[in-house]
Structure formats: C-alpha cells, structure tokens
Protein backbone atom coordinates (compact mmCIF):
# COMPACT_ATOMS: atom_id res chain seq x y z
CA MET A 1 85.68 94.46 114.64
CA GLU A 2 87.76 92.73 111.98
CA THR A 3 91.47 92.32 112.63
CA ILE A 4 94.13 92.53 109.94
CA ASN A 5 94.82 88.82 110.42
CA GLN A 6 91.17 87.94 109.89
CA LYS A 7 91.07 90.09 106.78
CA ILE A 8 94.16 88.40 105.32
CA ALA A 9 92.71 84.97 106.16
CA GLN A 10 89.46 85.84 104.38
CA LEU A 11 91.34 87.04 101.31
CA LYS A 12 93.33 83.81 101.23
CA THR A 13 90.16 81.72 101.50
CA ASN A 14 87.75 83.70 99.33
CA GLY A 15 90.17 85.33 96.91
CA TYR A 16 89.86 88.88 95.58
CA GLU A 17 89.49 90.85 92.39
CA LEU A 18 92.34 93.00 91.14
CA LYS A 19 91.62 95.30 88.20
CA PHE A 20 94.67 96.51 86.28
CA GLU A 21 93.16 99.84 85.21
CA GLU A 22 91.94 100.81 88.68
CA VAL A 23 95.24 100.02 90.39
CA PHE A 24 97.27 101.71 87.65
CA ASN A 25 95.16 104.88 87.77
CA LYS A 26 95.41 105.06 91.56
CA ALA A 27 99.17 104.55 91.41
CA PHE A 28 99.58 107.23 88.75
CA GLU A 29 97.40 109.78 90.55
CA ASN A 30 99.29 109.14 93.77
CA TYR A 31 102.61 109.35 91.93
CA LYS A 32 101.79 112.83 90.64
CA LYS A 33 101.45 113.97 94.26
CA ILE A 34 104.76 112.54 95.47
CA ALA A 35 107.01 112.65 92.38
CA LEU A 36 108.81 115.91 93.15
CA TYR A 37 109.17 115.44 96.90
CA ALA A 38 110.19 111.78 96.57
CA GLY A 39 112.65 112.59 93.79
CA LEU A 40 114.33 115.26 95.89
CA ALA A 41 114.44 112.86 98.84
CA ILE A 42 116.13 110.21 96.68
CA LEU A 43 118.63 112.83 95.52
CA ILE A 44 119.47 113.79 99.11
CA PHE A 45 119.78 110.19 100.26
CA GLY A 46 121.86 109.44 97.17
CA PHE A 47 124.35 112.19 98.01
CA LEU A 48 124.46 110.99 101.61
CA PHE A 49 125.10 107.40 100.55
CA ALA A 50 127.78 108.48 98.05
CA PHE A 51 129.49 110.50 100.80
CA LEU A 52 129.46 107.53 103.20
CA ALA A 53 130.68 105.21 100.42
CA ALA A 54 133.54 107.59 99.64
CA ILE A 55 134.55 107.64 103.31
CA GLY A 56 134.46 103.84 103.32
CA VAL A 57 136.69 103.59 100.22
CA VAL A 58 139.17 106.09 101.63
CA SER A 59 139.27 104.23 104.93
CA PHE A 60 139.78 100.89 103.17
CA VAL A 61 142.31 101.97 100.55
CA GLY A 62 143.94 104.89 102.32
CA ALA A 63 143.87 108.48 101.17
CA GLU A 64 147.52 108.35 100.10
CA HIS A 65 146.78 105.49 97.66
CA LEU A 66 143.59 106.94 96.27
CA ASN A 67 144.10 108.15 92.71
CA GLU A 68 142.53 107.79 89.28
CA ASN A 69 144.52 104.64 88.51
CA MET A 70 143.46 103.00 91.79
CA ILE A 71 139.80 103.82 91.15
CA LYS A 72 140.01 102.24 87.67
CA GLN A 73 141.61 99.13 89.16
CA LEU A 74 138.80 98.83 91.74
CA GLU A 75 136.16 99.23 89.03
CA ALA A 76 137.84 96.57 86.90
CA LYS A 77 137.99 94.15 89.86
CA MET A 78 134.33 94.62 90.74
CA LEU A 79 133.36 93.55 87.20
CA LYS A 80 135.12 90.20 87.58
CA GLN A 81 133.09 87.12 88.48
CA GLU A 82 135.16 86.32 91.56
CA TYR A 83 134.06 89.61 93.11
CA LEU A 84 130.33 88.88 92.73
CA GLY A 85 130.31 87.59 96.30
CA TYR A 86 131.48 90.93 97.65
CA GLN A 87 128.83 92.73 95.60
CA PHE A 88 126.19 90.33 96.92
CA ILE A 89 127.21 91.00 100.54
CA ALA A 90 127.20 94.76 99.91
CA VAL A 91 123.70 94.69 98.36
CA LEU A 92 122.43 92.47 101.18
CA ALA A 93 123.76 94.82 103.87
CA ILE A 94 122.66 98.05 102.18
CA ASN A 95 119.13 96.85 101.37
CA SER A 96 118.59 95.49 104.88
CA LEU A 97 119.98 98.50 106.75
CA PHE A 98 118.14 101.03 104.60
CA SER A 99 114.84 99.12 104.43
CA PRO A 100 113.17 101.57 106.87
CA ILE A 101 113.91 104.37 104.38
CA SER A 102 112.11 102.42 101.64
CA ALA A 103 109.22 101.94 104.04
CA GLY A 104 109.19 105.70 104.55
CA PHE A 105 108.40 106.20 100.86
CA LEU A 106 105.34 103.96 101.25
CA LYS A 107 104.30 106.11 104.20
CA MET A 108 104.73 109.15 101.96
CA ALA A 109 102.42 107.53 99.39
CA GLU A 110 99.82 106.90 102.09
CA SER A 111 100.04 110.51 103.28
CA ALA A 112 99.58 111.76 99.72
CA ASP A 113 96.60 109.45 99.24
CA LYS A 114 94.97 110.84 102.37
CA ASP A 115 96.10 114.44 101.63
CA VAL A 116 98.07 114.52 104.87
CA GLU A 117 101.32 116.46 105.21
CA PHE A 118 104.47 114.32 105.08
CA LYS A 119 107.66 115.61 106.69
CA MET A 120 111.23 114.55 105.92
CA ARG A 121 111.83 113.21 109.44
CA GLN A 122 109.12 110.60 108.83
CA PHE A 123 111.53 108.74 106.57
CA PHE A 124 113.32 107.69 109.73
CA SER A 125 110.22 106.81 111.74
CA PHE A 126 110.54 103.13 110.87
CA TYR A 127 113.95 102.91 112.51
CA LYS A 128 112.04 102.36 115.75
CA TRP A 129 113.04 98.92 116.96
CA THR A 130 109.53 97.41 116.65
CA TYR A 131 109.53 98.17 112.93
CA PHE A 132 113.24 98.06 112.15
CA LYS A 133 113.84 94.47 113.25
CA GLU A 134 110.95 93.19 111.15
CA LEU A 135 111.85 95.26 108.08
CA PHE A 136 115.49 94.23 108.41
CA VAL A 137 114.68 90.51 108.69
CA ALA A 138 112.14 90.56 105.84
CA THR A 139 114.45 92.50 103.51
CA PHE A 140 117.40 90.31 104.47
CA ILE A 141 115.49 87.12 103.62
CA ILE A 142 114.09 88.46 100.34
CA THR A 143 117.42 89.95 99.22
CA LEU A 144 119.32 86.84 100.24
CA LEU A 145 117.04 84.76 98.05
CA SER A 146 116.61 87.03 95.02
CA THR A 147 120.10 88.56 94.83
CA GLY A 148 121.70 85.27 95.81
CA ILE A 149 120.04 83.45 92.90
CA ASP A 150 120.78 86.35 90.55
CA SER A 151 124.47 86.44 91.55
CA ALA A 152 124.81 82.66 91.24
CA LEU A 153 123.27 82.60 87.75
CA THR A 154 125.38 85.60 86.72
CA PHE A 155 128.46 83.67 87.86
CA TYR A 156 127.42 80.83 85.56
CA LYS A 157 126.86 83.36 82.76
CA ILE A 158 123.07 83.17 82.59
CA PRO A 159 122.19 86.60 84.04
CA VAL A 160 118.91 86.90 82.09
CA LEU A 161 117.43 83.91 83.93
CA GLY A 162 118.65 85.38 87.22
CA GLY A 163 116.93 88.66 86.45
CA ILE A 164 113.66 86.91 85.59
CA ILE A 165 113.70 84.87 88.80
CA SER A 166 114.53 87.96 90.88
CA PHE A 167 111.63 89.85 89.30
CA ALA A 168 109.28 86.94 90.05
CA ILE A 169 110.43 86.90 93.69
CA GLY A 170 109.79 90.64 93.79
CA ILE A 171 106.21 90.07 92.65
CA PHE A 172 105.54 87.36 95.22
CA THR A 173 106.94 89.51 98.05
CA VAL A 174 105.60 92.91 96.96
CA LEU A 175 103.19 93.06 99.91
CA SER A 176 105.78 92.15 102.58
CA THR A 177 106.91 95.65 103.54
CA PRO A 178 103.44 97.28 103.53
CA VAL A 179 102.04 94.36 105.55
CA ILE A 180 104.73 95.05 108.17
CA ILE A 181 104.30 98.83 108.37
CA PHE A 182 100.54 99.09 107.81
CA GLY A 183 99.44 95.72 109.16
CA LYS A 184 102.03 95.55 111.97
CA GLN A 185 102.91 91.93 111.20
CA LYS A 186 106.12 90.05 111.89
CA ALA A 187 108.62 89.58 109.04
CA THR A 188 108.00 85.89 108.35
CA ALA A 189 104.21 86.28 108.66
CA ALA A 190 104.32 89.23 106.22
CA ILE A 191 106.33 87.27 103.65
CA LYS A 192 104.02 84.25 103.93
CA ALA A 193 100.93 86.47 103.59
CA SER A 194 102.42 88.23 100.56
CA ILE A 195 103.27 84.98 98.76
CA SER A 196 99.86 83.52 99.50
CA LEU A 197 97.93 86.58 98.36
CA THR A 198 99.95 87.44 95.24
CA SER A 199 100.05 83.90 93.84
CA SER A 200 96.36 84.04 92.87
CA GLN A 201 96.79 87.26 90.86
CA PHE A 202 100.34 86.78 89.60
CA LEU A 203 99.70 87.77 85.97
CA THR A 204 97.95 91.05 86.83
CA LEU A 205 100.63 91.90 89.37
CA PHE A 206 103.33 91.07 86.84
CA LEU A 207 101.80 93.49 84.34
CA LEU A 208 101.40 96.25 86.95
CA LEU A 209 104.96 95.96 88.27
CA PHE A 210 106.41 95.56 84.78
CA VAL A 211 104.70 98.77 83.66
CA ALA A 212 106.00 100.50 86.79
CA PHE A 213 109.50 99.24 85.97
CA LEU A 214 109.26 100.56 82.41
CA GLY A 215 107.97 103.86 83.78
CA SER A 216 111.05 104.16 85.97
CA LEU A 217 113.32 103.55 82.98
CA VAL A 218 111.81 106.56 81.21
CA GLY A 219 113.95 108.70 83.50
CA LEU A 220 117.09 107.45 81.74
CA ILE A 221 116.15 109.73 78.83
CA GLY A 222 116.97 112.76 81.00
CA PHE A 223 120.66 111.87 81.41
CA CYS A 224 119.75 109.59 84.33
CA ILE A 225 118.67 112.55 86.49
CA GLY A 226 115.07 111.92 85.48
CA VAL A 227 115.27 108.46 87.09
CA LEU A 228 115.14 110.18 90.49
CA PHE A 229 111.66 111.43 89.66
CA THR A 230 110.36 108.28 87.94
CA ILE A 231 111.53 105.70 90.51
CA PRO A 232 108.81 106.93 92.94
CA PHE A 233 106.26 105.44 90.51
CA ASN A 234 107.38 101.98 91.70
CA MET A 235 106.74 103.00 95.31
CA SER A 236 103.36 104.45 94.40
CA MET A 237 102.49 101.23 92.56
CA GLN A 238 103.45 99.09 95.57
CA TYR A 239 101.23 101.21 97.80
CA ALA A 240 98.32 101.09 95.32
CA ILE A 241 98.60 97.29 95.06
CA TYR A 242 98.53 96.89 98.85
CA ASP A 243 95.59 99.28 99.17
CA ALA A 244 93.67 97.46 96.42
CA ILE A 245 94.24 93.99 97.90
CA ILE A 246 94.25 94.49 101.68
CA GLY A 247 93.42 98.15 102.16
CA ILE A 248 94.74 100.67 104.65
CA GLU A 249 93.11 99.98 107.99
CA ASN A 250 90.91 102.63 109.56
CA GLU A 251 91.52 103.74 113.12
CA GLU A 252 88.69 101.63 114.44
CA VAL A 253 90.22 98.41 113.13
CA VAL A 254 92.05 96.49 115.84
CA VAL A 255 95.41 94.95 114.93
CA VAL A 256 96.56 91.94 116.91
CA GLU A 257 99.45 89.54 116.64
CA SER A 258 98.77 86.48 114.53
CA GLU A 259 99.12 82.96 115.87
CA GLU A 260 102.20 82.57 113.67
CA ASN A 261 103.97 85.41 115.52
C-alpha cells in the first residue's frame, strides 16, 4: 500500500497535471455546499474575536479611560509606521493561535465533498496537541516570513511589492495546512512538500488563487457583510487544489512518518 510520503515523493519526481477548469469547477461546486454554514461560522468567530479584543483593550487602557477620543487616538497610532511592529506581532500571534480553526474550514470542505455531516464542534478538533503544535509551527513560520516582509516593505513605503511577495509565499505554501491535517505530516515537512510541489505549477496556482481572491472581494459589494459568505471560496479552493494534486487518502492508505520527521 502506498504511503502519503511515497505519493508526495512520486509527485516530486514525476510531476503532475493541474487543469485550471477542473480545479475551479470542483472548488465552486464545493463552495456552494459550504457557503452558508461557513459564512455563519465566520460571523460567530468574528463576534467572539471582537469580544475578546474589546476585553483586551479595556484591560490594557482601563475602562475609566475608554472613550471616543481615546479610541480615535489608538486608531491614529496604529496607522503610524512605528507601530507596524506591534501589528506584525498581533497578526503573528492571532494567525498561529487560530490556525486550527482555519484547518477546521478545510475539514468542512472535505465533509461537503464527501456529503458527510459537519458539526460546529469539529472546528476545534485540530486543537488536539498532535495537530495543534504542527499547525502552530507551520503558520508561525509562514506568517513570520510573509507578514514580516510585507511589514518591512510597508515601513519603507513600498507596500505593493510587499503584497506581491506575500501572495507569492501564500501560493508556495498553500498545501502546508492540508498536508498536515490530511497527510499527518510535521510542520517543516509539510512546508517543504508544499514548496516543492507548487513550484512546478506556479502559474496555474497563481491564476486559481487570484480568482479565489477576486471572488472573495465580491462580498464587499454587500456592505462588507457579503465577504463572510465569499471568503469560504478561498478555503474551498485550497481544498480543491490539495485534492487535485495529492488527493484525500482513502482509509486503506497507510500514513507513516517521513524520514525528515
């Protein structure tokens, strides 16, 4: 029986074919199944995060000092270049700590693809230590690199270049999270596998992810509320790309640790 590591090795050696139309159609069909549920989940998590953020601000500033003028001062400070470091640390921490939630959306996409019921508690299933530590490390490394470069170039007033580089890093590492949760690989092995596999089909992947990005922006038309229901298209696209390149393993496939682990 073929292991996930053997399959990845074969793909690296022999290459693979990735058809834009097939992947896009799969992503769109899957998206239609998860759009409403995923959008509502994002809304709930958004309210939860906003509540926790408000508690953090009150704890930091003090309830007695919290007023409209103070909020405006904080907003003005966060727009200054010298506060980019604080924003970078915040993004790094939030992305890393909530990476299992993002993984949960990929699990939702898989469940929809297989017509299996997905329950809200499954969003937290990847907080199990075996998954959490790998997702945390992988997300930390990727965010440190992409957001770090973006913040540095923004500081030097060339944010467009930072955005382009961050998007390119996102393409190269698009398989990292699914390789961890579906392939049960370690963080560094997943990142290496993703970079190796995506580099041979970079242009096609760029087009797929760029279209998914544009699709998410369509939600801005609905006073930003629509974004909640178009963002899941990105998650559906990530799942479709992984399924097209590596494929979701069947139960009979044995998964073992790679020699790199």
